[in-house]
Protein backbone atom coordinates (compact mmCIF):
# COMPACT_ATOMS: atom_id res chain seq x y z
CA MET A 1 -10.06 21.98 9.39
CA SER A 2 -6.50 21.90 8.09
CA GLN A 3 -6.55 24.47 5.29
CA PHE A 4 -5.76 22.79 2.01
CA ARG A 5 -6.23 22.88 -1.73
CA PHE A 6 -5.95 20.22 -4.38
CA ARG A 7 -2.97 20.36 -6.75
CA CYS A 8 -2.98 18.52 -10.06
CA THR A 9 0.09 16.29 -10.25
CA GLU A 10 0.01 16.60 -14.02
CA CYS A 11 -0.52 20.29 -14.86
CA GLY A 12 0.10 21.87 -11.45
CA ALA A 13 -3.24 23.70 -11.27
CA PHE A 14 -4.76 24.34 -7.84
CA TYR A 15 -8.41 23.80 -6.89
CA GLU A 16 -10.44 24.53 -3.80
CA GLU A 17 -12.09 21.52 -2.17
CA ALA A 18 -15.50 22.44 -3.60
CA GLU A 19 -14.13 22.80 -7.14
CA ALA A 20 -12.83 19.28 -7.79
CA GLU A 21 -14.08 16.22 -5.95
CA LEU A 22 -11.93 13.68 -7.75
CA THR A 23 -9.55 14.46 -10.66
CA CYS A 24 -8.36 17.69 -12.32
CA PRO A 25 -11.21 18.88 -14.59
CA ALA A 26 -8.77 20.06 -17.27
CA CYS A 27 -6.45 17.05 -17.43
CA ALA A 28 -9.32 14.57 -17.05
CA ARG A 29 -10.41 15.50 -20.58
CA ALA A 30 -7.46 13.45 -21.82
CA GLN A 31 -8.64 10.35 -19.95
CA GLN A 32 -8.78 7.20 -22.05
CA PRO A 33 -11.01 4.27 -21.02
CA GLY A 34 -8.81 1.68 -19.37
CA GLY A 35 -5.80 4.03 -19.30
CA VAL A 36 -3.78 5.54 -16.47
CA VAL A 37 -5.73 8.11 -14.49
CA ARG A 38 -5.18 11.59 -15.90
CA GLY A 39 -5.23 14.63 -13.65
CA VAL A 40 -4.53 12.85 -10.35
CA LEU A 41 -4.95 15.36 -7.53
CA GLU A 42 -2.87 15.55 -4.38
CA VAL A 43 -3.71 17.41 -1.21
CA ALA A 44 -1.62 20.52 -0.55
CA ILE A 45 -1.97 21.47 3.13
CA GLU A 46 -1.11 25.10 3.74
CA SER A 47 0.27 24.80 7.25
CA LEU A 48 2.03 21.71 8.60
CA PRO A 49 3.33 21.32 12.17
CA GLY A 50 6.88 22.41 12.89
CA ALA A 51 7.28 19.80 15.63
CA TRP A 52 6.09 16.25 16.13
CA PRO A 53 2.67 16.21 17.85
CA ALA A 54 2.70 15.01 21.45
CA ALA A 55 0.29 12.22 20.56
CA PRO A 56 0.51 8.65 19.25
CA PRO A 57 0.63 8.37 15.43
CA SER A 58 -2.82 6.75 15.18
CA SER A 59 -4.51 9.30 17.46
CA PRO A 60 -6.96 11.91 16.16
CA ASP A 61 -4.65 14.76 17.26
CA PHE A 62 -1.72 13.36 15.27
CA LEU A 63 -3.83 12.67 12.20
CA ARG A 64 -5.50 16.08 12.22
CA ALA A 65 -2.07 17.75 12.40
CA PHE A 66 -1.06 16.25 9.04
CA LEU A 67 -4.29 15.38 7.23
CA PRO A 68 -7.13 17.43 5.72
CA LEU A 69 -9.55 16.69 8.56
CA SER A 70 -11.85 19.04 10.42
CA LYS A 71 -11.12 19.54 14.12
CA SER A 72 -14.48 18.20 15.22
CA GLY A 73 -15.58 16.09 12.25
CA PRO A 74 -16.21 12.38 12.80
CA LEU A 75 -13.42 9.89 12.46
CA PRO A 76 -14.37 6.24 11.95
CA PRO A 77 -13.99 4.57 15.37
CA ILE A 78 -11.37 2.04 14.35
CA PRO A 79 -7.64 2.19 15.28
CA VAL A 80 -5.82 2.44 11.94
CA GLY A 81 -2.07 2.98 11.80
CA GLY A 82 0.41 3.18 14.63
CA THR A 83 2.01 -0.05 13.40
CA PRO A 84 5.51 -0.91 14.63
CA LEU A 85 8.82 -0.29 12.91
CA LEU A 86 10.57 -3.51 13.80
CA ASP A 87 14.15 -4.02 14.89
CA VAL A 88 15.04 -7.18 12.93
CA PRO A 89 18.43 -8.49 14.15
CA HIS A 90 18.19 -11.90 12.46
CA LEU A 91 17.29 -10.41 9.08
CA ARG A 92 20.11 -7.90 9.52
CA ARG A 93 22.59 -10.72 10.04
CA ALA A 94 21.22 -12.65 7.06
CA THR A 95 21.56 -9.64 4.75
CA GLY A 96 24.69 -8.10 6.26
CA MET A 97 22.79 -4.84 6.88
CA LYS A 98 23.20 -3.28 10.31
CA ASP A 99 20.50 -0.64 9.90
CA LEU A 100 17.63 -2.54 8.26
CA TRP A 101 14.05 -2.08 9.51
CA VAL A 102 10.66 -3.61 8.74
CA LYS A 103 7.49 -1.53 8.88
CA ASP A 104 4.85 -4.10 9.81
CA ASP A 105 1.57 -2.88 8.36
CA THR A 106 0.05 -6.36 8.62
CA ARG A 107 -1.17 -5.20 12.05
CA ASN A 108 -3.76 -2.78 10.70
CA PRO A 109 -7.39 -3.74 11.45
CA SER A 110 -8.12 -5.51 8.17
CA GLY A 111 -4.50 -6.60 7.80
CA SER A 112 -3.10 -4.20 5.21
CA THR A 113 -1.78 -0.72 4.45
CA LYS A 114 -5.00 -0.02 2.51
CA ASP A 115 -6.76 0.67 5.84
CA ARG A 116 -4.91 3.99 5.97
CA ALA A 117 -6.48 5.26 2.76
CA SER A 118 -9.91 3.95 3.68
CA LEU A 119 -9.86 5.71 7.05
CA LEU A 120 -9.40 9.12 5.44
CA VAL A 121 -11.77 8.44 2.53
CA VAL A 122 -14.55 7.33 4.89
CA ALA A 123 -13.88 10.30 7.20
CA LYS A 124 -14.28 12.67 4.25
CA ALA A 125 -17.41 10.83 3.09
CA LEU A 126 -18.88 11.41 6.55
CA GLU A 127 -18.00 15.12 6.30
CA TYR A 128 -19.70 15.28 2.92
CA GLY A 129 -22.79 13.42 4.11
CA ARG A 130 -22.26 10.52 1.68
CA GLU A 131 -23.80 7.20 2.70
CA THR A 132 -22.40 4.77 0.10
CA ILE A 133 -18.72 4.38 -0.82
CA ALA A 134 -17.54 2.15 -3.65
CA THR A 135 -14.19 0.84 -4.80
CA ALA A 136 -12.59 -1.63 -7.18
CA SER A 137 -9.89 -3.82 -5.73
CA THR A 138 -7.86 -6.98 -6.10
CA GLY A 139 -8.88 -7.62 -2.49
CA ASN A 140 -7.11 -5.52 0.13
CA ALA A 141 -8.65 -2.14 -0.66
CA ALA A 142 -12.06 -3.81 -0.65
CA THR A 143 -11.54 -5.43 2.74
CA ALA A 144 -10.14 -2.18 4.10
CA LEU A 145 -13.11 -0.16 2.89
CA ALA A 146 -15.50 -2.81 4.20
CA ALA A 147 -13.86 -2.76 7.65
CA VAL A 148 -13.73 1.01 8.06
CA SER A 149 -17.22 1.48 6.61
CA ALA A 150 -18.58 -1.08 9.06
CA ALA A 151 -17.05 0.83 11.96
CA ALA A 152 -18.43 4.13 10.62
CA GLY A 153 -21.89 2.82 9.85
CA VAL A 154 -21.87 3.57 6.12
CA ARG A 155 -22.40 1.27 3.15
CA ALA A 156 -19.49 -0.19 1.19
CA VAL A 157 -19.83 -1.55 -2.34
CA VAL A 158 -16.80 -3.41 -3.65
CA PHE A 159 -15.95 -4.65 -7.14
CA VAL A 160 -13.39 -7.45 -7.10
CA PRO A 161 -12.20 -10.10 -9.55
CA ALA A 162 -14.00 -13.36 -8.83
CA THR A 163 -10.53 -14.94 -8.66
CA ALA A 164 -9.56 -12.93 -5.55
CA PRO A 165 -8.23 -15.09 -2.68
CA GLU A 166 -11.05 -16.74 -0.75
CA ALA A 167 -9.88 -15.31 2.56
CA LYS A 168 -10.26 -11.76 1.25
CA LEU A 169 -13.71 -12.45 -0.17
CA VAL A 170 -14.88 -13.95 3.13
CA GLN A 171 -13.36 -11.06 5.06
CA MET A 172 -15.11 -8.32 3.08
CA GLN A 173 -18.43 -10.19 3.22
CA SER A 174 -18.09 -10.62 6.97
CA TYR A 175 -17.76 -6.84 7.35
CA GLY A 176 -21.13 -6.52 5.60
CA ALA A 177 -20.01 -4.99 2.29
CA LEU A 178 -21.99 -5.48 -0.88
CA VAL A 179 -19.50 -7.66 -2.75
CA LEU A 180 -19.72 -7.76 -6.55
CA PRO A 181 -17.33 -10.43 -7.89
CA ILE A 182 -16.49 -9.64 -11.51
CA GLU A 183 -15.94 -12.25 -14.19
CA GLY A 184 -12.83 -10.50 -15.42
CA THR A 185 -9.71 -8.64 -14.36
CA TYR A 186 -9.10 -5.94 -11.79
CA ASP A 187 -8.85 -3.44 -14.63
CA GLN A 188 -12.36 -4.38 -15.77
CA ALA A 189 -13.64 -4.10 -12.20
CA PHE A 190 -12.07 -0.63 -11.99
CA GLU A 191 -13.86 0.62 -15.09
CA LEU A 192 -17.18 -0.85 -13.95
CA CYS A 193 -16.82 0.82 -10.56
CA LEU A 194 -16.30 4.19 -12.25
CA GLU A 195 -19.48 3.70 -14.27
CA ALA A 196 -21.49 2.62 -11.24
CA CYS A 197 -20.36 5.58 -9.13
CA ARG A 198 -21.48 7.95 -11.87
CA ALA A 199 -24.78 6.13 -12.39
CA PHE A 200 -25.77 5.71 -8.74
CA GLY A 201 -24.12 8.73 -7.12
CA TRP A 202 -21.80 6.70 -4.90
CA TYR A 203 -18.67 8.27 -3.40
CA ASN A 204 -15.70 6.87 -5.32
CA ARG A 205 -12.76 5.52 -3.30
CA ASN A 206 -10.92 4.17 -6.33
CA THR A 207 -7.15 4.24 -6.35
CA ALA A 208 -5.73 7.41 -7.97
CA VAL A 209 -9.24 8.74 -8.70
CA ASN A 210 -9.91 9.80 -5.11
CA PRO A 211 -7.19 12.22 -3.92
CA PHE A 212 -7.60 11.17 -0.30
CA THR A 213 -6.31 7.64 -0.98
CA MET A 214 -2.78 8.91 -1.54
CA GLU A 215 -3.09 11.34 1.36
CA GLY A 216 -4.22 8.60 3.73
CA LYS A 217 -1.38 6.31 2.76
CA LYS A 218 1.20 8.98 3.47
CA THR A 219 0.71 8.29 7.19
CA VAL A 220 2.94 5.22 6.91
CA ALA A 221 5.82 7.53 5.93
CA LEU A 222 5.04 9.86 8.83
CA GLU A 223 5.26 6.94 11.23
CA ILE A 224 8.52 5.62 9.78
CA ALA A 225 10.13 9.05 10.05
CA ALA A 226 8.79 9.64 13.56
CA SER A 227 10.19 6.29 14.73
CA LEU A 228 13.67 7.05 13.40
CA ALA A 229 13.74 10.81 14.08
CA PRO A 230 15.94 12.76 13.92
CA ALA A 231 17.92 10.37 11.69
CA ALA A 232 17.60 10.46 7.92
CA ILE A 233 16.41 7.42 5.97
CA ASP A 234 18.38 6.31 2.93
CA ALA A 235 15.89 4.08 1.11
CA VAL A 236 12.42 2.56 1.43
CA LEU A 237 11.31 -0.47 -0.59
CA VAL A 238 7.61 -0.38 -1.45
CA PRO A 239 5.42 -3.12 -3.00
CA THR A 240 3.88 -1.52 -6.06
CA GLY A 241 0.74 -2.32 -8.04
CA ASP A 242 -1.27 0.71 -9.09
CA GLY A 243 1.37 2.97 -7.53
CA VAL A 244 -0.72 4.80 -4.94
CA ILE A 245 1.05 3.41 -1.87
CA LEU A 246 4.42 4.51 -3.24
CA ALA A 247 3.09 7.94 -4.22
CA GLY A 248 1.54 8.28 -0.77
CA VAL A 249 4.84 7.36 0.91
CA ALA A 250 6.57 9.98 -1.25
CA LYS A 251 3.95 12.58 -0.29
CA GLY A 252 4.46 11.88 3.40
CA PHE A 253 8.22 12.29 3.23
CA ALA A 254 7.89 15.43 1.10
CA ASP A 255 5.52 17.00 3.64
CA LEU A 256 7.94 16.22 6.46
CA GLU A 257 10.90 17.68 4.58
CA ARG A 258 8.87 20.81 3.84
CA CYS A 259 8.06 21.41 7.50
CA GLY A 260 11.59 20.62 8.70
CA LEU A 261 10.86 17.32 10.47
CA LEU A 262 12.95 15.26 8.05
CA PRO A 263 16.46 16.26 6.95
CA ARG A 264 16.04 14.77 3.46
CA LYS A 265 13.73 12.46 1.54
CA PRO A 266 14.78 8.82 1.11
CA ARG A 267 15.17 7.04 -2.21
CA LEU A 268 12.04 5.08 -3.07
CA ILE A 269 12.34 1.69 -4.73
CA ALA A 270 9.27 0.18 -6.39
CA VAL A 271 9.07 -3.61 -6.21
CA GLN A 272 6.80 -5.42 -8.69
CA PRO A 273 6.34 -9.03 -9.83
CA GLU A 274 7.93 -9.85 -13.18
CA GLY A 275 4.50 -10.72 -14.54
CA SER A 276 3.04 -7.33 -13.61
CA ALA A 277 5.92 -4.88 -13.91
CA ALA A 278 4.59 -2.00 -16.02
CA ILE A 279 5.92 0.68 -13.66
CA VAL A 280 9.34 -0.97 -13.27
CA ASN A 281 9.60 -1.35 -17.04
CA ALA A 282 9.00 2.38 -17.50
CA LEU A 283 11.58 3.23 -14.84
CA ARG A 284 14.17 1.05 -16.57
CA THR A 285 13.58 2.57 -20.01
CA GLY A 286 13.05 6.16 -18.89
CA ALA A 287 9.62 6.24 -20.54
CA PRO A 288 7.29 9.10 -19.55
CA THR A 289 4.39 6.72 -18.97
CA ILE A 290 3.73 2.99 -18.75
CA VAL A 291 2.93 0.47 -21.44
CA PRO A 292 -0.04 -1.68 -20.31
CA LEU A 293 0.56 -5.40 -19.84
CA PRO A 294 -2.50 -7.34 -21.02
CA GLY A 295 -2.73 -10.63 -19.18
CA ALA A 296 -0.62 -9.45 -16.23
CA ALA A 297 -0.35 -12.30 -13.73
CA SER A 298 1.44 -13.08 -10.48
CA VAL A 299 1.14 -15.02 -7.25
CA ALA A 300 1.03 -11.54 -5.67
CA ASP A 301 -2.58 -10.77 -6.51
CA SER A 302 -2.42 -7.41 -4.71
CA LEU A 303 0.21 -6.23 -7.18
CA THR A 304 -1.35 -7.67 -10.33
CA VAL A 305 -2.66 -4.97 -12.64
CA GLU A 306 -2.49 -4.53 -16.40
CA THR A 307 -2.60 -0.72 -16.36
CA PRO A 308 -1.36 0.87 -13.10
CA ARG A 309 -3.81 3.73 -12.62
CA ASN A 310 -1.51 5.94 -10.55
CA ALA A 311 1.47 5.39 -12.84
CA LEU A 312 2.27 9.03 -13.61
CA PRO A 313 2.58 10.28 -9.98
CA CYS A 314 4.37 7.05 -9.03
CA LEU A 315 6.99 7.38 -11.77
CA ALA A 316 7.53 11.03 -10.85
CA ALA A 317 7.91 10.16 -7.15
CA VAL A 318 10.49 7.44 -7.75
CA ARG A 319 12.52 9.57 -10.15
CA SER A 320 12.51 12.69 -7.97
CA SER A 321 13.73 10.61 -5.03
CA GLY A 322 16.66 9.20 -6.99
CA GLY A 323 15.28 5.69 -6.54
CA GLY A 324 14.49 2.92 -8.98
CA GLY A 325 12.44 -0.17 -9.72
CA ILE A 326 12.92 -3.89 -9.27
CA ALA A 327 10.99 -6.80 -10.79
CA VAL A 328 11.09 -10.11 -8.93
CA SER A 329 9.98 -13.61 -9.92
CA ASP A 330 7.03 -15.39 -8.38
CA SER A 331 9.38 -18.09 -7.08
CA ALA A 332 11.46 -15.45 -5.28
CA ILE A 333 8.30 -13.92 -3.80
CA VAL A 334 7.06 -17.28 -2.52
CA ALA A 335 10.45 -18.05 -0.97
CA ALA A 336 10.47 -14.63 0.67
CA ILE A 337 7.19 -15.36 2.48
CA ALA A 338 8.83 -18.10 4.53
CA ASP A 339 12.16 -16.28 4.88
CA LEU A 340 10.53 -13.11 6.16
CA ALA A 341 8.46 -15.09 8.66
CA LYS A 342 11.44 -17.12 9.93
CA LEU A 343 13.78 -14.14 10.22
CA THR A 344 11.40 -11.47 11.58
CA GLY A 345 8.24 -13.13 12.86
CA VAL A 346 6.17 -11.25 10.27
CA PHE A 347 3.84 -13.46 8.20
CA ALA A 348 3.13 -11.62 4.95
CA GLU A 349 1.03 -12.22 1.88
CA PRO A 350 2.98 -12.39 -1.41
CA ALA A 351 2.71 -8.65 -2.07
CA GLY A 352 4.11 -7.81 1.36
CA ALA A 353 6.94 -10.35 1.18
CA ALA A 354 7.93 -9.10 -2.28
CA VAL A 355 10.02 -6.35 -0.69
CA LEU A 356 12.40 -8.91 0.81
CA ALA A 357 12.83 -10.53 -2.58
CA GLY A 358 13.34 -7.03 -3.95
CA LEU A 359 15.95 -6.18 -1.33
CA ARG A 360 18.08 -9.12 -2.41
CA VAL A 361 18.03 -7.90 -6.01
CA ALA A 362 18.62 -4.29 -4.92
CA LEU A 363 21.76 -5.35 -3.07
CA GLU A 364 23.03 -7.25 -6.12
CA GLN A 365 22.36 -4.25 -8.37
CA ASN A 366 23.81 -1.71 -5.88
CA LEU A 367 20.51 0.15 -5.64
CA VAL A 368 20.99 0.02 -1.88
CA GLY A 369 24.14 -0.38 0.17
CA ARG A 370 24.61 -2.67 3.15
CA ASP A 371 25.73 0.30 5.24
CA GLU A 372 22.57 2.34 4.56
CA ARG A 373 19.47 2.86 6.69
CA VAL A 374 16.80 0.96 4.77
CA VAL A 375 13.13 0.24 5.51
CA LEU A 376 11.04 -2.58 4.04
CA LEU A 377 7.32 -1.76 3.94
CA VAL A 378 5.36 -4.99 4.48
CA THR A 379 1.84 -4.21 3.36
CA GLY A 380 -0.40 -7.23 4.03
CA THR A 381 -0.78 -10.25 6.30
CA GLY A 382 -0.20 -13.77 5.05
CA LEU A 383 -3.54 -14.84 6.50
CA LYS A 384 -5.12 -13.25 3.42
CA ASP A 385 -3.64 -15.88 1.10
CA ILE A 386 -2.78 -19.15 2.83
CA PRO A 387 -2.53 -21.18 -0.43
CA ALA A 388 0.30 -18.92 -1.64
CA ALA A 389 2.18 -19.24 1.65
CA ALA A 390 1.69 -23.02 1.58
CA ARG A 391 3.81 -23.14 -1.57
CA ALA A 392 6.83 -22.04 0.48
CA VAL A 393 6.67 -24.79 3.10
CA LYS A 394 6.43 -28.58 3.19
CA ARG A 395 3.74 -29.87 5.51
CA PRO A 396 5.17 -32.60 7.78
CA ALA A 397 3.64 -36.07 7.86
CA PRO A 398 1.83 -36.97 11.10
CA ILE A 399 3.56 -39.09 13.72
CA PRO A 400 2.21 -41.49 16.34
CA ALA A 401 1.54 -40.00 19.77
CA LYS A 402 4.66 -41.62 21.21
CA LEU A 403 7.92 -40.15 22.49
CA ASP A 404 10.08 -42.46 20.38
CA ALA A 405 8.32 -41.10 17.28
CA VAL A 406 9.37 -37.59 18.31
CA ALA A 407 12.95 -38.80 18.74
CA GLU A 408 12.84 -40.45 15.31
CA ARG A 409 11.58 -37.26 13.68
CA LEU A 410 14.35 -35.26 15.38
CA ARG A 411 17.00 -37.68 14.04
CA SER A 412 15.63 -37.22 10.51
CA LEU A 413 15.98 -33.44 10.55
CA PRO A 414 18.87 -31.93 8.51
CA ALA A 415 21.81 -30.64 10.51
CA GLU A 416 21.72 -26.85 11.06
């Protein structure tokens, strides 16, 4: 096994694996019900590789080189990661950026970046002999856990708002998870999941609470850096809800800088909807923590959270990178779904497309320059929320099955 310890992101204390399963025992005493997670732990691996492994990024050899996995322990038999970093010439022309890239994580098995965290969490659950894994989710983490658990042959229990998109609910049920739709918000589902894990002895995958969620998500940063090596990356735009994806991306780049595989860390830019922008608000004001937003709402359900649970590590990661935060309107997010699809061929759900809306604002505010090497992390497929995508397009009226009807429709199209 890669030798590692847990380090508290709040107080800096170190713990052996057997000493702290979830959060820092000392800092967790300050935990408030419904508040940001206190004592979030990150994995500190003692020895990282000094050269890129001669193996594909999604292979067991690559993962074991960077993750806290045993050499012979079981990995869920599902191909997570290894998603492409896309050359996007049409989007480059549209934005005037010659070195813009799109990391297309819609191609993960369940269709989102959350598969990366679930792969590692389920792998560790197998090591620990745990048979039931639970999580609270707006949808993607639940479908990810359901997919990976199905492949591994363990039980998944997922707590989701009953208002989650239908496609996500059907997806997680199809994988065989025990789905518990909650008459309430994601934040309420989160608290109930914590209670249930304590009451029933389930292994807790919850965002920020389980240290392996952040560690699993760092693999997207490893892949971005490996694709562009040896070049440095100037900035990465990350859709941000609870803040774990961004913190995981930061952890990946920090590990690579530490072992000499990355010349410097990029600036990280958190993108949130205006109706759910607690982290961005704190970045703008310089506040040490977030102010919860009761009634947070957005078309981007994956980013909608009243109290981002991983706020403290996320704020620290953005600030230490020299980055910033951007809040974008729902109308800009919806427009970006269609624009991203037309200009790159990537069909994203609202949360994933938000980074394109965020890029436009970042250019206006000089948070990124058109001459910089910039990556947009697209985190989820549009097939998860067709009604949201439908708002960005106008469905054409049917035509008769006649050639002259085709010609008539062509004449009615606006000139390009």
